[in-house]
């Protein structure tokens, strides 16, 4: 299941940010390493919400800074479902 989440998330990041899949690693920071700006972050969050059928409150979204953070957040919400 978690490999599923990671793969899906990786695709979302690649599609939204136009980066190479190889660059999308756990420790990669969306802004510093993957070149996202604030609008990209909003679009990423919306894409994640749609892809995983979850709702990410703004205050939670602010804490999602790396690919790893995003994967952990989605896993947490999936575990609660």
PDB file of N, CA and C in Angstrom:
ATOM      1  N   UNK A   1       0.825  -1.219   0.000  1.00  0.00           N
ATOM      2  CA  UNK A   1       0.000   0.000   0.000  1.00  0.00           C
ATOM      3  C   UNK A   1       0.853   1.261   0.000  1.00  0.00           C
ATOM      4  N   UNK A   2       1.894   1.288   0.837  1.00  0.00           N
ATOM      5  CA  UNK A   2       2.695   2.511   0.905  1.00  0.00           C
ATOM      6  C   UNK A   2       3.480   2.747  -0.374  1.00  0.00           C
ATOM      7  N   UNK A   3       3.916   1.680  -1.045  1.00  0.00           N
ATOM      8  CA  UNK A   3       4.611   1.850  -2.327  1.00  0.00           C
ATOM      9  C   UNK A   3       3.641   2.449  -3.337  1.00  0.00           C
ATOM     10  N   UNK A   4       2.383   2.048  -3.214  1.00  0.00           N
ATOM     11  CA  UNK A   4       1.312   2.597  -4.035  1.00  0.00           C
ATOM     12  C   UNK A   4       1.200   4.109  -3.852  1.00  0.00           C
ATOM     13  N   UNK A   5       1.167   4.524  -2.602  1.00  0.00           N
ATOM     14  CA  UNK A   5       1.048   5.941  -2.259  1.00  0.00           C
ATOM     15  C   UNK A   5       2.248   6.699  -2.800  1.00  0.00           C
ATOM     16  N   UNK A   6       3.447   6.154  -2.568  1.00  0.00           N
ATOM     17  CA  UNK A   6       4.657   6.822  -3.031  1.00  0.00           C
ATOM     18  C   UNK A   6       4.674   6.968  -4.545  1.00  0.00           C
ATOM     19  N   UNK A   7       4.307   5.909  -5.252  1.00  0.00           N
ATOM     20  CA  UNK A   7       4.299   5.945  -6.712  1.00  0.00           C
ATOM     21  C   UNK A   7       3.314   6.967  -7.246  1.00  0.00           C
ATOM     22  N   UNK A   8       2.132   6.962  -6.671  1.00  0.00           N
ATOM     23  CA  UNK A   8       1.084   7.901  -7.090  1.00  0.00           C
ATOM     24  C   UNK A   8       1.513   9.345  -6.799  1.00  0.00           C
ATOM     25  N   UNK A   9       2.090   9.535  -5.627  1.00  0.00           N
ATOM     26  CA  UNK A   9       2.539  10.859  -5.225  1.00  0.00           C
ATOM     27  C   UNK A   9       3.673  11.353  -6.115  1.00  0.00           C
ATOM     28  N   UNK A  10       4.576  10.449  -6.437  1.00  0.00           N
ATOM     29  CA  UNK A  10       5.705  10.783  -7.308  1.00  0.00           C
ATOM     30  C   UNK A  10       5.173  11.284  -8.656  1.00  0.00           C
ATOM     31  N   UNK A  11       4.176  10.577  -9.197  1.00  0.00           N
ATOM     32  CA  UNK A  11       3.583  10.981 -10.479  1.00  0.00           C
ATOM     33  C   UNK A  11       2.940  12.362 -10.385  1.00  0.00           C
ATOM     34  N   UNK A  12       2.259  12.619  -9.285  1.00  0.00           N
ATOM     35  CA  UNK A  12       1.626  13.926  -9.083  1.00  0.00           C
ATOM     36  C   UNK A  12       2.686  15.013  -9.093  1.00  0.00           C
ATOM     37  N   UNK A  13       3.781  14.799  -8.361  1.00  0.00           N
ATOM     38  CA  UNK A  13       4.853  15.796  -8.284  1.00  0.00           C
ATOM     39  C   UNK A  13       5.486  16.009  -9.655  1.00  0.00           C
ATOM     40  N   UNK A  14       5.772  14.923 -10.364  1.00  0.00           N
ATOM     41  CA  UNK A  14       6.362  15.021 -11.706  1.00  0.00           C
ATOM     42  C   UNK A  14       5.435  15.813 -12.629  1.00  0.00           C
ATOM     43  N   UNK A  15       4.149  15.489 -12.596  1.00  0.00           N
ATOM     44  CA  UNK A  15       3.182  16.176 -13.458  1.00  0.00           C
ATOM     45  C   UNK A  15       3.004  17.640 -13.090  1.00  0.00           C
ATOM     46  N   UNK A  16       2.904  17.922 -11.795  1.00  0.00           N
ATOM     47  CA  UNK A  16       2.641  19.293 -11.345  1.00  0.00           C
ATOM     48  C   UNK A  16       3.852  20.203 -11.493  1.00  0.00           C
ATOM     49  N   UNK A  17       5.038  19.670 -11.196  1.00  0.00           N
ATOM     50  CA  UNK A  17       6.234  20.521 -11.177  1.00  0.00           C
ATOM     51  C   UNK A  17       7.105  20.372 -12.416  1.00  0.00           C
ATOM     52  N   UNK A  18       6.804  19.369 -13.242  1.00  0.00           N
ATOM     53  CA  UNK A  18       7.595  19.173 -14.450  1.00  0.00           C
ATOM     54  C   UNK A  18       9.049  18.820 -14.166  1.00  0.00           C
ATOM     55  N   UNK A  19       9.270  18.050 -13.099  1.00  0.00           N
ATOM     56  CA  UNK A  19      10.633  17.637 -12.750  1.00  0.00           C
ATOM     57  C   UNK A  19      10.853  16.184 -13.162  1.00  0.00           C
ATOM     58  N   UNK A  20      12.114  15.783 -13.202  1.00  0.00           N
ATOM     59  CA  UNK A  20      12.446  14.395 -13.503  1.00  0.00           C
ATOM     60  C   UNK A  20      12.002  13.512 -12.336  1.00  0.00           C
ATOM     61  N   UNK A  21      11.521  12.327 -12.659  1.00  0.00           N
ATOM     62  CA  UNK A  21      11.077  11.412 -11.608  1.00  0.00           C
ATOM     63  C   UNK A  21      12.224  11.081 -10.647  1.00  0.00           C
ATOM     64  N   UNK A  22      13.435  11.004 -11.157  1.00  0.00           N
ATOM     65  CA  UNK A  22      14.605  10.686 -10.327  1.00  0.00           C
ATOM     66  C   UNK A  22      14.849  11.742  -9.253  1.00  0.00           C
ATOM     67  N   UNK A  23      14.387  12.974  -9.489  1.00  0.00           N
ATOM     68  CA  UNK A  23      14.586  14.061  -8.514  1.00  0.00           C
ATOM     69  C   UNK A  23      13.603  13.968  -7.355  1.00  0.00           C
ATOM     70  N   UNK A  24      12.527  13.214  -7.551  1.00  0.00           N
ATOM     71  CA  UNK A  24      11.474  13.129  -6.538  1.00  0.00           C
ATOM     72  C   UNK A  24      11.816  12.025  -5.543  1.00  0.00           C
ATOM     73  N   UNK A  25      12.654  12.396  -4.566  1.00  0.00           N
ATOM     74  CA  UNK A  25      13.067  11.460  -3.518  1.00  0.00           C
ATOM     75  C   UNK A  25      12.519  11.950  -2.190  1.00  0.00           C
ATOM     76  N   UNK A  26      12.513  11.083  -1.196  1.00  0.00           N
ATOM     77  CA  UNK A  26      11.915  11.391   0.097  1.00  0.00           C
ATOM     78  C   UNK A  26      12.341  12.708   0.719  1.00  0.00           C
ATOM     79  N   UNK A  27      13.630  12.973   0.708  1.00  0.00           N
ATOM     80  CA  UNK A  27      14.152  14.170   1.374  1.00  0.00           C
ATOM     81  C   UNK A  27      14.038  15.433   0.517  1.00  0.00           C
ATOM     82  N   UNK A  28      13.616  15.303  -0.730  1.00  0.00           N
ATOM     83  CA  UNK A  28      13.533  16.466  -1.627  1.00  0.00           C
ATOM     84  C   UNK A  28      12.497  17.463  -1.113  1.00  0.00           C
ATOM     85  N   UNK A  29      12.934  18.713  -0.953  1.00  0.00           N
ATOM     86  CA  UNK A  29      12.029  19.776  -0.512  1.00  0.00           C
ATOM     87  C   UNK A  29      11.357  20.357  -1.757  1.00  0.00           C
ATOM     88  N   UNK A  30      10.043  20.522  -1.672  1.00  0.00           N
ATOM     89  CA  UNK A  30       9.293  21.003  -2.832  1.00  0.00           C
ATOM     90  C   UNK A  30       9.816  22.340  -3.348  1.00  0.00           C
ATOM     91  N   UNK A  31      10.063  23.279  -2.456  1.00  0.00           N
ATOM     92  CA  UNK A  31      10.471  24.620  -2.881  1.00  0.00           C
ATOM     93  C   UNK A  31      11.966  24.661  -3.200  1.00  0.00           C
ATOM     94  N   UNK A  32      12.803  24.292  -2.237  1.00  0.00           N
ATOM     95  CA  UNK A  32      14.245  24.421  -2.417  1.00  0.00           C
ATOM     96  C   UNK A  32      14.808  23.473  -3.471  1.00  0.00           C
ATOM     97  N   UNK A  33      14.393  22.195  -3.437  1.00  0.00           N
ATOM     98  CA  UNK A  33      15.004  21.200  -4.320  1.00  0.00           C
ATOM     99  C   UNK A  33      14.262  20.997  -5.641  1.00  0.00           C
ATOM    100  N   UNK A  34      12.936  21.136  -5.610  1.00  0.00           N
ATOM    101  CA  UNK A  34      12.157  20.847  -6.814  1.00  0.00           C
ATOM    102  C   UNK A  34      11.642  22.102  -7.508  1.00  0.00           C
ATOM    103  N   UNK A  35      12.004  23.262  -6.976  1.00  0.00           N
ATOM    104  CA  UNK A  35      11.689  24.518  -7.656  1.00  0.00           C
ATOM    105  C   UNK A  35      10.234  24.954  -7.626  1.00  0.00           C
ATOM    106  N   UNK A  36       9.461  24.447  -6.679  1.00  0.00           N
ATOM    107  CA  UNK A  36       8.050  24.833  -6.586  1.00  0.00           C
ATOM    108  C   UNK A  36       7.931  26.239  -6.008  1.00  0.00           C
ATOM    109  N   UNK A  37       6.890  26.962  -6.436  1.00  0.00           N
ATOM    110  CA  UNK A  37       6.581  28.239  -5.791  1.00  0.00           C
ATOM    111  C   UNK A  37       5.277  28.054  -5.020  1.00  0.00           C
ATOM    112  N   UNK A  38       4.786  29.113  -4.403  1.00  0.00           N
ATOM    113  CA  UNK A  38       3.601  28.962  -3.552  1.00  0.00           C
ATOM    114  C   UNK A  38       2.378  28.485  -4.337  1.00  0.00           C
ATOM    115  N   UNK A  39       2.238  28.922  -5.578  1.00  0.00           N
ATOM    116  CA  UNK A  39       1.109  28.467  -6.390  1.00  0.00           C
ATOM    117  C   UNK A  39       1.245  26.976  -6.708  1.00  0.00           C
ATOM    118  N   UNK A  40       2.480  26.543  -7.004  1.00  0.00           N
ATOM    119  CA  UNK A  40       2.720  25.116  -7.256  1.00  0.00           C
ATOM    120  C   UNK A  40       2.329  24.278  -6.044  1.00  0.00           C
ATOM    121  N   UNK A  41       2.630  24.784  -4.858  1.00  0.00           N
ATOM    122  CA  UNK A  41       2.311  24.056  -3.629  1.00  0.00           C
ATOM    123  C   UNK A  41       0.801  23.900  -3.483  1.00  0.00           C
ATOM    124  N   UNK A  42       0.073  24.980  -3.734  1.00  0.00           N
ATOM    125  CA  UNK A  42      -1.397  24.929  -3.656  1.00  0.00           C
ATOM    126  C   UNK A  42      -1.928  23.899  -4.650  1.00  0.00           C
ATOM    127  N   UNK A  43      -1.392  23.913  -5.873  1.00  0.00           N
ATOM    128  CA  UNK A  43      -1.846  22.963  -6.893  1.00  0.00           C
ATOM    129  C   UNK A  43      -1.474  21.528  -6.529  1.00  0.00           C
ATOM    130  N   UNK A  44      -0.301  21.362  -5.935  1.00  0.00           N
ATOM    131  CA  UNK A  44       0.118  20.028  -5.478  1.00  0.00           C
ATOM    132  C   UNK A  44      -0.841  19.495  -4.426  1.00  0.00           C
ATOM    133  N   UNK A  45      -1.167  20.337  -3.457  1.00  0.00           N
ATOM    134  CA  UNK A  45      -2.081  19.936  -2.387  1.00  0.00           C
ATOM    135  C   UNK A  45      -3.438  19.561  -2.981  1.00  0.00           C
ATOM    136  N   UNK A  46      -3.928  20.374  -3.907  1.00  0.00           N
ATOM    137  CA  UNK A  46      -5.227  20.077  -4.539  1.00  0.00           C
ATOM    138  C   UNK A  46      -5.165  18.758  -5.313  1.00  0.00           C
ATOM    139  N   UNK A  47      -4.070  18.512  -6.006  1.00  0.00           N
ATOM    140  CA  UNK A  47      -3.917  17.265  -6.758  1.00  0.00           C
ATOM    141  C   UNK A  47      -3.862  16.066  -5.819  1.00  0.00           C
ATOM    142  N   UNK A  48      -3.170  16.248  -4.684  1.00  0.00           N
ATOM    143  CA  UNK A  48      -3.113  15.174  -3.686  1.00  0.00           C
ATOM    144  C   UNK A  48      -4.497  14.893  -3.117  1.00  0.00           C
ATOM    145  N   UNK A  49      -5.237  15.947  -2.805  1.00  0.00           N
ATOM    146  CA  UNK A  49      -6.589  15.775  -2.255  1.00  0.00           C
ATOM    147  C   UNK A  49      -7.459  14.996  -3.235  1.00  0.00           C
ATOM    148  N   UNK A  50      -7.364  15.366  -4.498  1.00  0.00           N
ATOM    149  CA  UNK A  50      -8.185  14.712  -5.518  1.00  0.00           C
ATOM    150  C   UNK A  50      -7.755  13.257  -5.719  1.00  0.00           C
ATOM    151  N   UNK A  51      -6.451  13.028  -5.840  1.00  0.00           N
ATOM    152  CA  UNK A  51      -5.942  11.684  -6.122  1.00  0.00           C
ATOM    153  C   UNK A  51      -6.222  10.704  -4.994  1.00  0.00           C
ATOM    154  N   UNK A  52      -6.151  11.180  -3.748  1.00  0.00           N
ATOM    155  CA  UNK A  52      -6.307  10.276  -2.611  1.00  0.00           C
ATOM    156  C   UNK A  52      -7.651  10.413  -1.902  1.00  0.00           C
ATOM    157  N   UNK A  53      -8.515  11.306  -2.396  1.00  0.00           N
ATOM    158  CA  UNK A  53      -9.836  11.471  -1.793  1.00  0.00           C
ATOM    159  C   UNK A  53      -9.773  11.951  -0.354  1.00  0.00           C
ATOM    160  N   UNK A  54      -8.843  12.882  -0.101  1.00  0.00           N
ATOM    161  CA  UNK A  54      -8.674  13.403   1.256  1.00  0.00           C
ATOM    162  C   UNK A  54      -8.836  14.918   1.251  1.00  0.00           C
ATOM    163  N   UNK A  55      -8.936  15.479   2.444  1.00  0.00           N
ATOM    164  CA  UNK A  55      -9.001  16.925   2.594  1.00  0.00           C
ATOM    165  C   UNK A  55      -7.792  17.334   3.431  1.00  0.00           C
ATOM    166  N   UNK A  56      -7.003  18.272   2.923  1.00  0.00           N
ATOM    167  CA  UNK A  56      -5.811  18.712   3.650  1.00  0.00           C
ATOM    168  C   UNK A  56      -6.025  20.154   4.086  1.00  0.00           C
ATOM    169  N   UNK A  57      -6.279  20.374   5.383  1.00  0.00           N
ATOM    170  CA  UNK A  57      -6.473  21.750   5.868  1.00  0.00           C
ATOM    171  C   UNK A  57      -5.219  22.592   5.627  1.00  0.00           C
ATOM    172  N   UNK A  58      -5.389  23.893   5.434  1.00  0.00           N
ATOM    173  CA  UNK A  58      -4.265  24.791   5.153  1.00  0.00           C
ATOM    174  C   UNK A  58      -3.145  24.670   6.174  1.00  0.00           C
ATOM    175  N   UNK A  59      -3.520  24.609   7.457  1.00  0.00           N
ATOM    176  CA  UNK A  59      -2.468  24.547   8.477  1.00  0.00           C
ATOM    177  C   UNK A  59      -1.669  23.244   8.392  1.00  0.00           C
ATOM    178  N   UNK A  60      -2.313  22.174   7.943  1.00  0.00           N
ATOM    179  CA  UNK A  60      -1.608  20.901   7.739  1.00  0.00           C
ATOM    180  C   UNK A  60      -0.729  20.995   6.492  1.00  0.00           C
ATOM    181  N   UNK A  61      -1.261  21.618   5.446  1.00  0.00           N
ATOM    182  CA  UNK A  61      -0.526  21.740   4.178  1.00  0.00           C
ATOM    183  C   UNK A  61       0.779  22.502   4.373  1.00  0.00           C
ATOM    184  N   UNK A  62       0.769  23.484   5.274  1.00  0.00           N
ATOM    185  CA  UNK A  62       1.983  24.261   5.537  1.00  0.00           C
ATOM    186  C   UNK A  62       3.109  23.401   6.082  1.00  0.00           C
ATOM    187  N   UNK A  63       2.776  22.297   6.725  1.00  0.00           N
ATOM    188  CA  UNK A  63       3.785  21.411   7.279  1.00  0.00           C
ATOM    189  C   UNK A  63       4.336  20.404   6.287  1.00  0.00           C
ATOM    190  N   UNK A  64       3.734  20.350   5.108  1.00  0.00           N
ATOM    191  CA  UNK A  64       4.188  19.406   4.083  1.00  0.00           C
ATOM    192  C   UNK A  64       5.236  20.108   3.216  1.00  0.00           C
ATOM    193  N   UNK A  65       6.496  19.880   3.563  1.00  0.00           N
ATOM    194  CA  UNK A  65       7.587  20.574   2.867  1.00  0.00           C
ATOM    195  C   UNK A  65       8.426  19.663   1.977  1.00  0.00           C
ATOM    196  N   UNK A  66       8.396  18.360   2.276  1.00  0.00           N
ATOM    197  CA  UNK A  66       9.193  17.413   1.490  1.00  0.00           C
ATOM    198  C   UNK A  66       8.294  16.318   0.924  1.00  0.00           C
ATOM    199  N   UNK A  67       8.845  15.567   0.009  1.00  0.00           N
ATOM    200  CA  UNK A  67       8.118  14.433  -0.561  1.00  0.00           C
ATOM    201  C   UNK A  67       7.765  13.457   0.564  1.00  0.00           C
ATOM    202  N   UNK A  68       8.716  13.248   1.463  1.00  0.00           N
ATOM    203  CA  UNK A  68       8.499  12.353   2.606  1.00  0.00           C
ATOM    204  C   UNK A  68       7.331  12.827   3.476  1.00  0.00           C
ATOM    205  N   UNK A  69       7.264  14.149   3.717  1.00  0.00           N
ATOM    206  CA  UNK A  69       6.160  14.717   4.503  1.00  0.00           C
ATOM    207  C   UNK A  69       4.825  14.385   3.841  1.00  0.00           C
ATOM    208  N   UNK A  70       4.787  14.541   2.531  1.00  0.00           N
ATOM    209  CA  UNK A  70       3.542  14.301   1.791  1.00  0.00           C
ATOM    210  C   UNK A  70       3.137  12.838   1.887  1.00  0.00           C
ATOM    211  N   UNK A  71       4.099  11.943   1.701  1.00  0.00           N
ATOM    212  CA  UNK A  71       3.807  10.508   1.784  1.00  0.00           C
ATOM    213  C   UNK A  71       3.297  10.162   3.186  1.00  0.00           C
ATOM    214  N   UNK A  72       3.983  10.673   4.208  1.00  0.00           N
ATOM    215  CA  UNK A  72       3.570  10.400   5.592  1.00  0.00           C
ATOM    216  C   UNK A  72       2.164  10.917   5.861  1.00  0.00           C
ATOM    217  N   UNK A  73       1.872  12.111   5.371  1.00  0.00           N
ATOM    218  CA  UNK A  73       0.554  12.688   5.599  1.00  0.00           C
ATOM    219  C   UNK A  73      -0.536  11.832   4.953  1.00  0.00           C
ATOM    220  N   UNK A  74      -0.308  11.431   3.704  1.00  0.00           N
ATOM    221  CA  UNK A  74      -1.311  10.622   3.009  1.00  0.00           C
ATOM    222  C   UNK A  74      -1.484   9.281   3.715  1.00  0.00           C
ATOM    223  N   UNK A  75      -0.367   8.663   4.119  1.00  0.00           N
ATOM    224  CA  UNK A  75      -0.453   7.382   4.840  1.00  0.00           C
ATOM    225  C   UNK A  75      -1.283   7.531   6.105  1.00  0.00           C
ATOM    226  N   UNK A  76      -1.033   8.628   6.843  1.00  0.00           N
ATOM    227  CA  UNK A  76      -1.753   8.874   8.082  1.00  0.00           C
ATOM    228  C   UNK A  76      -3.259   8.988   7.814  1.00  0.00           C
ATOM    229  N   UNK A  77      -3.618   9.721   6.769  1.00  0.00           N
ATOM    230  CA  UNK A  77      -5.047   9.884   6.476  1.00  0.00           C
ATOM    231  C   UNK A  77      -5.669   8.588   5.982  1.00  0.00           C
ATOM    232  N   UNK A  78      -4.886   7.769   5.268  1.00  0.00           N
ATOM    233  CA  UNK A  78      -5.402   6.493   4.778  1.00  0.00           C
ATOM    234  C   UNK A  78      -5.615   5.529   5.953  1.00  0.00           C
ATOM    235  N   UNK A  79      -4.718   5.599   6.939  1.00  0.00           N
ATOM    236  CA  UNK A  79      -4.840   4.730   8.110  1.00  0.00           C
ATOM    237  C   UNK A  79      -6.087   5.063   8.917  1.00  0.00           C
ATOM    238  N   UNK A  80      -6.461   6.331   8.917  1.00  0.00           N
ATOM    239  CA  UNK A  80      -7.631   6.763   9.684  1.00  0.00           C
ATOM    240  C   UNK A  80      -8.937   6.418   8.975  1.00  0.00           C
ATOM    241  N   UNK A  81      -8.850   6.257   7.672  1.00  0.00           N
ATOM    242  CA  UNK A  81     -10.069   6.019   6.873  1.00  0.00           C
ATOM    243  C   UNK A  81     -10.660   4.652   7.124  1.00  0.00           C
TER     244      UNK A  81
END
